[in-house]
Amino acid sequence: MPSGRTAVIAIGGNSLIQDKNKPQVEHQWAAVYETVSHIVAMIQDGWRVVITHGNGPQVGFILRRNELASPEVHATPMDIIGADTQGSIGYMLQQALDNQLRVAGIRRGVATVITQTLVDRLDPGFQNPTKGIGGFMGETEARQFEQEGWTVIEDAGRGWRRVVASPLPIEIVELDAINALVEKNFVVICVGGGGIPVVRDENGALQGVNAVIDKDRGTALLANGLKADLFVISTAIEKVALNFNKPNQQNLDQMTLAEAKKYYAEGHFASGSMGPKIEAVIDFLERGGPKAIITNPENIARALRGEAGTAVCPASESGEAQCW
């Protein structure tokens, strides 16, 4: 792969907690090193890499700590929690990357950028909170949170859960700083959790809001802003599939933008799993992005060679997907 091409890679917050029964920090470190090893392989192949990450489980842990500590310590709002997780997860990724790059004999700076993502204060998502945060609970506890001002919903028979707004991202505030670091050949970690959601007041000043931005949508916006050559979504499965988990499941090696939109409209991608990832890929390609790949961490290197994962790209002149 020619030197200097830029890939933006979104890794899930669950990538850091591979076993829900082992959420302790030492297990998170092991998961981070496993994930980072695949990214270092990309850097060895000549890619400039920008990494984003999810933070869902970590936000849930902080919310729970807030609740347990509430008699003694003040609570922290969602924007500050987002910043906390960007710092802690960024630190872990940053240190692991630095250590593994040194082992590989690669001299490359690594930097984490605490990132704000601008949203529209009039986004309809604020009137219809849908993004679940924290753990599941019974109705009695849920009603107590409701009295405190939270929106709570019953989640598909799994229990009650707090939800917050998930507005669409419209601008990565620190984009110029991120781009400057990429141009200086840094590995950059940024837009954690989709970015800290902020709005501008009537004077143009930024202020945080009680919301969560979809990580993949935020990453797609970043990838377009950086004019990235490749947008990679690292997830739990190797390939995107039609009729997922059904007897007629069909794994996809590649698809065109038009096919992705068609399959999405047909309901093949669930809103709680693959749906937001396909939405993000569609956003990236519709804004001029050249190619996206969805796969699991251990198959990233093979996916770059067309041996694994699902590639999505604009159609060729013949109307077919020709991603390789």
Protein backbone atom coordinates (compact mmCIF):
# COMPACT_ATOMS: atom_id res chain seq x y z
CA MET A 1 0.00 0.00 0.00
CA PRO A 2 1.47 3.39 -0.95
CA SER A 3 2.86 5.39 1.94
CA GLY A 4 0.85 8.33 3.20
CA ARG A 5 -2.67 7.02 2.71
CA THR A 6 -4.96 7.81 5.63
CA ALA A 7 -7.30 5.33 7.30
CA VAL A 8 -9.79 6.28 10.00
CA ILE A 9 -10.63 3.31 12.23
CA ALA A 10 -13.60 3.17 14.62
CA ILE A 11 -13.27 0.60 17.39
CA GLY A 12 -16.15 -0.23 19.71
CA GLY A 13 -16.21 0.50 23.43
CA ASN A 14 -17.03 -3.16 23.91
CA SER A 15 -13.68 -4.00 22.28
CA LEU A 16 -12.12 -3.00 25.58
CA ILE A 17 -14.43 -5.25 27.60
CA GLN A 18 -14.48 -8.56 25.77
CA ASP A 19 -16.02 -10.46 28.67
CA LYS A 20 -18.82 -8.70 30.57
CA ASN A 21 -17.91 -10.80 33.62
CA LYS A 22 -14.36 -9.41 33.57
CA PRO A 23 -14.68 -5.62 33.25
CA GLN A 24 -11.72 -4.85 35.52
CA VAL A 25 -9.01 -2.56 34.23
CA GLU A 26 -6.37 -5.29 33.91
CA HIS A 27 -8.64 -7.14 31.49
CA GLN A 28 -9.28 -3.92 29.58
CA TRP A 29 -5.53 -3.49 29.16
CA ALA A 30 -5.24 -6.97 27.64
CA ALA A 31 -8.06 -6.18 25.21
CA VAL A 32 -6.46 -2.85 24.26
CA TYR A 33 -3.14 -4.52 23.43
CA GLU A 34 -4.93 -7.12 21.31
CA THR A 35 -6.81 -4.44 19.35
CA VAL A 36 -3.73 -2.26 18.95
CA SER A 37 -1.65 -5.10 17.51
CA HIS A 38 -3.87 -5.15 14.41
CA ILE A 39 -3.58 -1.39 14.00
CA VAL A 40 0.22 -1.53 14.25
CA ALA A 41 0.17 -4.02 11.38
CA MET A 42 -1.60 -1.38 9.27
CA ILE A 43 1.02 1.21 10.17
CA GLN A 44 3.75 -1.24 9.18
CA ASP A 45 2.07 -1.45 5.77
CA GLY A 46 2.41 2.31 5.32
CA TRP A 47 -0.94 3.65 6.49
CA ARG A 48 -1.37 6.88 8.43
CA VAL A 49 -3.93 5.97 11.07
CA VAL A 50 -6.54 7.93 13.01
CA ILE A 51 -8.42 5.98 15.70
CA THR A 52 -11.80 6.64 17.28
CA HIS A 53 -13.46 4.55 19.96
CA GLY A 54 -16.76 3.84 21.63
CA ASN A 55 -17.35 4.46 25.33
CA GLY A 56 -20.75 2.96 26.13
CA PRO A 57 -19.75 0.52 28.89
CA GLN A 58 -17.36 3.03 30.44
CA VAL A 59 -20.05 5.74 30.56
CA GLY A 60 -22.31 3.23 32.30
CA PHE A 61 -19.66 2.53 34.94
CA ILE A 62 -19.18 6.25 35.67
CA LEU A 63 -22.91 6.79 35.98
CA ARG A 64 -23.08 3.93 38.47
CA ARG A 65 -20.19 5.40 40.47
CA ASN A 66 -22.07 8.71 40.50
CA GLU A 67 -25.11 6.99 41.96
CA LEU A 68 -23.17 5.10 44.62
CA ALA A 69 -21.19 8.19 45.63
CA SER A 70 -24.11 10.63 45.53
CA PRO A 71 -24.45 10.98 49.33
CA GLU A 72 -20.83 12.15 49.54
CA VAL A 73 -19.66 13.51 46.17
CA HIS A 74 -21.26 15.70 43.52
CA ALA A 75 -22.44 14.03 40.29
CA THR A 76 -20.91 14.81 36.88
CA PRO A 77 -22.95 15.71 33.78
CA MET A 78 -22.88 13.70 30.56
CA ASP A 79 -20.50 16.02 28.67
CA ILE A 80 -17.92 15.78 31.47
CA ILE A 81 -18.36 11.99 31.57
CA GLY A 82 -17.68 11.92 27.83
CA ALA A 83 -14.51 13.91 28.35
CA ASP A 84 -13.45 11.60 31.19
CA THR A 85 -13.78 8.52 28.99
CA GLN A 86 -11.97 10.16 26.09
CA GLY A 87 -9.06 10.79 28.42
CA SER A 88 -8.95 7.37 30.08
CA ILE A 89 -9.53 5.24 26.95
CA GLY A 90 -7.26 7.53 24.93
CA TYR A 91 -4.52 7.07 27.51
CA MET A 92 -4.77 3.29 27.29
CA LEU A 93 -4.74 3.22 23.49
CA GLN A 94 -1.97 5.81 23.36
CA GLN A 95 0.33 3.93 25.71
CA ALA A 96 -0.32 0.54 24.09
CA LEU A 97 0.33 1.97 20.62
CA ASP A 98 3.54 3.65 21.72
CA ASN A 99 4.82 0.44 23.31
CA GLN A 100 3.93 -1.81 20.37
CA LEU A 101 5.26 0.62 17.77
CA ARG A 102 8.59 0.62 19.62
CA VAL A 103 8.65 -3.19 19.62
CA ALA A 104 7.99 -3.10 15.87
CA GLY A 105 10.89 -0.66 15.39
CA ILE A 106 8.63 2.17 14.21
CA ARG A 107 9.29 5.73 15.38
CA ARG A 108 5.91 7.42 15.38
CA GLY A 109 4.34 9.91 17.76
CA VAL A 110 0.94 9.07 19.28
CA ALA A 111 -1.47 11.72 20.58
CA THR A 112 -4.97 11.82 22.02
CA VAL A 113 -7.16 14.82 21.24
CA ILE A 114 -10.12 15.52 23.55
CA THR A 115 -12.71 16.22 20.89
CA GLN A 116 -15.95 18.20 20.81
CA THR A 117 -18.59 17.51 18.17
CA LEU A 118 -21.03 20.24 17.27
CA VAL A 119 -24.73 19.41 17.02
CA ASP A 120 -27.77 21.53 16.20
CA ARG A 121 -29.54 22.72 19.36
CA LEU A 122 -32.82 22.28 17.39
CA ASP A 123 -32.04 18.69 16.35
CA PRO A 124 -35.27 16.66 16.68
CA GLY A 125 -33.32 14.03 18.61
CA PHE A 126 -33.50 16.29 21.67
CA GLN A 127 -37.28 15.91 21.66
CA ASN A 128 -37.10 12.12 21.29
CA PRO A 129 -34.30 10.63 23.41
CA THR A 130 -33.43 7.11 22.22
CA LYS A 131 -29.82 6.38 23.18
CA GLY A 132 -29.64 3.99 26.12
CA ILE A 133 -27.04 4.69 28.81
CA GLY A 134 -26.13 2.89 32.02
CA GLY A 135 -27.46 -0.52 33.06
CA PHE A 136 -30.92 -2.06 33.02
CA MET A 137 -33.19 -1.68 36.04
CA GLY A 138 -36.64 -2.46 37.38
CA GLU A 139 -39.59 -0.12 36.91
CA THR A 140 -39.52 1.19 40.49
CA GLU A 141 -35.91 2.38 40.17
CA ALA A 142 -36.64 3.70 36.69
CA ARG A 143 -39.49 5.84 38.00
CA GLN A 144 -37.14 7.31 40.61
CA PHE A 145 -34.76 8.40 37.84
CA GLU A 146 -37.74 9.80 35.95
CA GLN A 147 -38.58 11.98 38.94
CA GLU A 148 -34.98 13.27 38.86
CA GLY A 149 -35.50 14.47 35.28
CA TRP A 150 -34.25 11.48 33.27
CA THR A 151 -36.18 9.96 30.37
CA VAL A 152 -36.61 6.21 30.89
CA ILE A 153 -37.94 3.54 28.55
CA GLU A 154 -38.63 -0.19 28.70
CA ASP A 155 -36.08 -1.91 26.45
CA ALA A 156 -37.39 -4.97 24.56
CA GLY A 157 -38.24 -6.96 27.67
CA ARG A 158 -34.73 -6.61 29.12
CA GLY A 159 -35.75 -4.04 31.72
CA TRP A 160 -35.91 -0.28 32.01
CA ARG A 161 -33.11 2.04 30.98
CA ARG A 162 -32.29 5.71 30.96
CA VAL A 163 -32.06 7.29 27.51
CA VAL A 164 -30.62 10.56 26.27
CA ALA A 165 -30.76 12.42 22.99
CA SER A 166 -28.60 11.25 20.10
CA PRO A 167 -28.42 14.26 17.74
CA LEU A 168 -26.68 14.10 14.38
CA PRO A 169 -23.08 15.39 14.35
CA ILE A 170 -22.48 18.38 12.06
CA GLU A 171 -18.90 19.50 12.80
CA ILE A 172 -15.76 18.15 14.47
CA VAL A 173 -14.62 21.21 16.40
CA GLU A 174 -10.94 20.15 16.68
CA LEU A 175 -10.67 18.94 13.06
CA ASP A 176 -7.85 21.35 12.15
CA ALA A 177 -5.76 20.24 15.13
CA ILE A 178 -6.33 16.57 14.29
CA ASN A 179 -5.42 17.15 10.64
CA ALA A 180 -2.23 19.00 11.64
CA LEU A 181 -1.14 16.02 13.75
CA VAL A 182 -1.92 13.58 10.91
CA GLU A 183 0.15 15.70 8.50
CA LYS A 184 3.03 15.49 10.99
CA ASN A 185 2.70 11.68 10.85
CA PHE A 186 1.25 11.23 14.34
CA VAL A 187 -1.08 8.36 15.13
CA VAL A 188 -4.11 10.26 16.45
CA ILE A 189 -6.79 9.05 18.87
CA CYS A 190 -9.83 11.33 18.84
CA VAL A 191 -13.65 11.68 18.61
CA GLY A 192 -14.07 9.19 21.46
CA GLY A 193 -17.68 8.18 21.92
CA GLY A 194 -18.58 10.17 18.81
CA GLY A 195 -17.19 13.32 20.41
CA ILE A 196 -18.40 15.40 23.34
CA PRO A 197 -21.72 16.86 22.12
CA VAL A 198 -21.75 20.66 22.16
CA VAL A 199 -23.94 23.43 20.78
CA ARG A 200 -23.27 27.11 20.14
CA ASP A 201 -25.28 29.72 22.01
CA GLU A 202 -26.61 32.92 20.48
CA ASN A 203 -23.14 34.48 20.84
CA GLY A 204 -21.37 31.55 19.21
CA ALA A 205 -19.91 30.20 22.45
CA LEU A 206 -19.70 26.43 22.86
CA GLN A 207 -21.49 24.62 25.67
CA GLY A 208 -21.94 20.93 26.43
CA VAL A 209 -25.34 19.24 26.24
CA ASN A 210 -26.87 16.14 27.80
CA ALA A 211 -26.61 13.82 24.82
CA VAL A 212 -24.59 11.00 23.24
CA ILE A 213 -23.45 11.06 19.62
CA ASP A 214 -23.36 7.83 17.67
CA LYS A 215 -19.70 6.86 17.52
CA ASP A 216 -19.76 5.62 13.92
CA ARG A 217 -21.63 8.67 12.61
CA GLY A 218 -19.13 10.94 14.34
CA THR A 219 -16.26 8.94 12.89
CA ALA A 220 -17.71 9.13 9.38
CA LEU A 221 -17.87 12.92 9.67
CA LEU A 222 -14.24 12.96 10.85
CA ALA A 223 -13.14 10.70 7.98
CA ASN A 224 -14.76 13.01 5.43
CA GLY A 225 -13.20 16.06 7.08
CA LEU A 226 -9.74 14.47 6.85
CA LYS A 227 -10.40 13.35 3.25
CA ALA A 228 -9.49 9.84 4.38
CA ASP A 229 -8.75 7.15 1.82
CA LEU A 230 -10.42 4.50 3.95
CA PHE A 231 -13.03 4.31 6.72
CA VAL A 232 -12.83 1.13 8.81
CA ILE A 233 -15.46 0.08 11.34
CA SER A 234 -14.14 -2.59 13.70
CA THR A 235 -16.98 -4.59 15.21
CA ALA A 236 -17.84 -8.00 16.63
CA ILE A 237 -18.40 -9.88 13.36
CA GLU A 238 -16.19 -10.54 10.34
CA LYS A 239 -18.70 -9.67 7.61
CA VAL A 240 -21.94 -7.80 7.15
CA ALA A 241 -24.79 -10.21 6.40
CA LEU A 242 -28.27 -10.17 4.96
CA ASN A 243 -30.90 -12.11 6.95
CA PHE A 244 -28.52 -12.15 9.91
CA ASN A 245 -28.90 -15.15 12.24
CA LYS A 246 -31.51 -16.73 9.98
CA PRO A 247 -31.24 -20.01 8.02
CA ASN A 248 -30.82 -18.02 4.79
CA GLN A 249 -28.08 -15.72 6.14
CA GLN A 250 -25.94 -14.36 3.30
CA ASN A 251 -22.51 -12.91 4.11
CA LEU A 252 -21.39 -10.03 1.91
CA ASP A 253 -17.85 -9.63 0.60
CA GLN A 254 -18.60 -6.24 -0.90
CA MET A 255 -21.47 -4.01 -1.93
CA THR A 256 -22.04 -0.72 -3.68
CA LEU A 257 -23.38 2.39 -1.99
CA ALA A 258 -26.69 1.84 -3.79
CA GLU A 259 -26.87 -1.74 -2.54
CA ALA A 260 -26.10 -0.65 1.02
CA LYS A 261 -28.96 1.87 0.87
CA LYS A 262 -31.30 -0.72 -0.62
CA TYR A 263 -30.50 -3.40 1.98
CA TYR A 264 -30.82 -0.83 4.76
CA ALA A 265 -34.24 0.25 3.50
CA GLU A 266 -35.32 -3.40 3.37
CA GLY A 267 -34.63 -3.72 7.09
CA HIS A 268 -31.66 -6.08 6.99
CA PHE A 269 -29.66 -4.10 9.55
CA ALA A 270 -31.01 -3.78 13.10
CA SER A 271 -31.06 -0.34 14.71
CA GLY A 272 -29.31 -1.65 17.82
CA SER A 273 -26.40 -3.32 16.03
CA MET A 274 -25.44 -3.08 12.34
CA GLY A 275 -27.90 -0.32 11.39
CA PRO A 276 -25.90 2.68 12.69
CA LYS A 277 -22.73 1.30 11.12
CA ILE A 278 -24.35 1.06 7.69
CA GLU A 279 -25.78 4.57 8.16
CA ALA A 280 -22.28 5.84 8.91
CA VAL A 281 -20.81 4.12 5.84
CA ILE A 282 -23.57 5.58 3.66
CA ASP A 283 -22.84 9.05 5.07
CA PHE A 284 -19.12 8.69 4.36
CA LEU A 285 -19.58 7.54 0.77
CA GLU A 286 -22.32 10.05 -0.04
CA ARG A 287 -19.99 12.86 1.05
CA GLY A 288 -17.33 11.63 -1.38
CA GLY A 289 -15.50 9.02 0.66
CA PRO A 290 -13.85 6.41 -1.59
CA LYS A 291 -14.15 3.19 0.42
CA ALA A 292 -15.29 1.68 3.73
CA ILE A 293 -14.68 -1.69 5.37
CA ILE A 294 -16.62 -3.36 8.18
CA THR A 295 -14.94 -6.30 9.94
CA ASN A 296 -13.71 -7.54 13.32
CA PRO A 297 -10.32 -6.49 14.76
CA GLU A 298 -8.46 -9.73 14.06
CA ASN A 299 -9.37 -9.57 10.38
CA ILE A 300 -8.45 -5.95 9.63
CA ALA A 301 -5.18 -6.85 7.88
CA ARG A 302 -6.89 -9.55 5.78
CA ALA A 303 -9.75 -7.17 4.97
CA LEU A 304 -7.29 -4.66 3.56
CA ARG A 305 -6.18 -7.35 1.11
CA GLY A 306 -9.76 -8.24 0.19
CA GLU A 307 -9.59 -11.58 2.03
CA ALA A 308 -12.08 -10.80 4.82
CA GLY A 309 -14.66 -8.28 5.94
CA THR A 310 -17.23 -6.40 3.88
CA ALA A 311 -16.07 -3.58 1.63
CA VAL A 312 -18.46 -0.83 0.52
CA CYS A 313 -17.61 1.56 -2.30
CA PRO A 314 -19.24 3.64 -5.03
CA ALA A 315 -20.31 1.63 -8.06
CA SER A 316 -18.05 1.26 -11.08
CA GLU A 317 -19.21 2.43 -14.51
CA SER A 318 -20.84 -0.98 -14.97
CA GLY A 319 -22.85 -0.43 -11.78
CA GLU A 320 -21.08 -3.23 -9.89
CA ALA A 321 -19.04 -3.12 -6.72
CA GLN A 322 -15.35 -3.17 -7.57
CA CYS A 323 -13.67 -2.31 -4.29
CA TRP A 324 -10.38 -4.09 -4.99
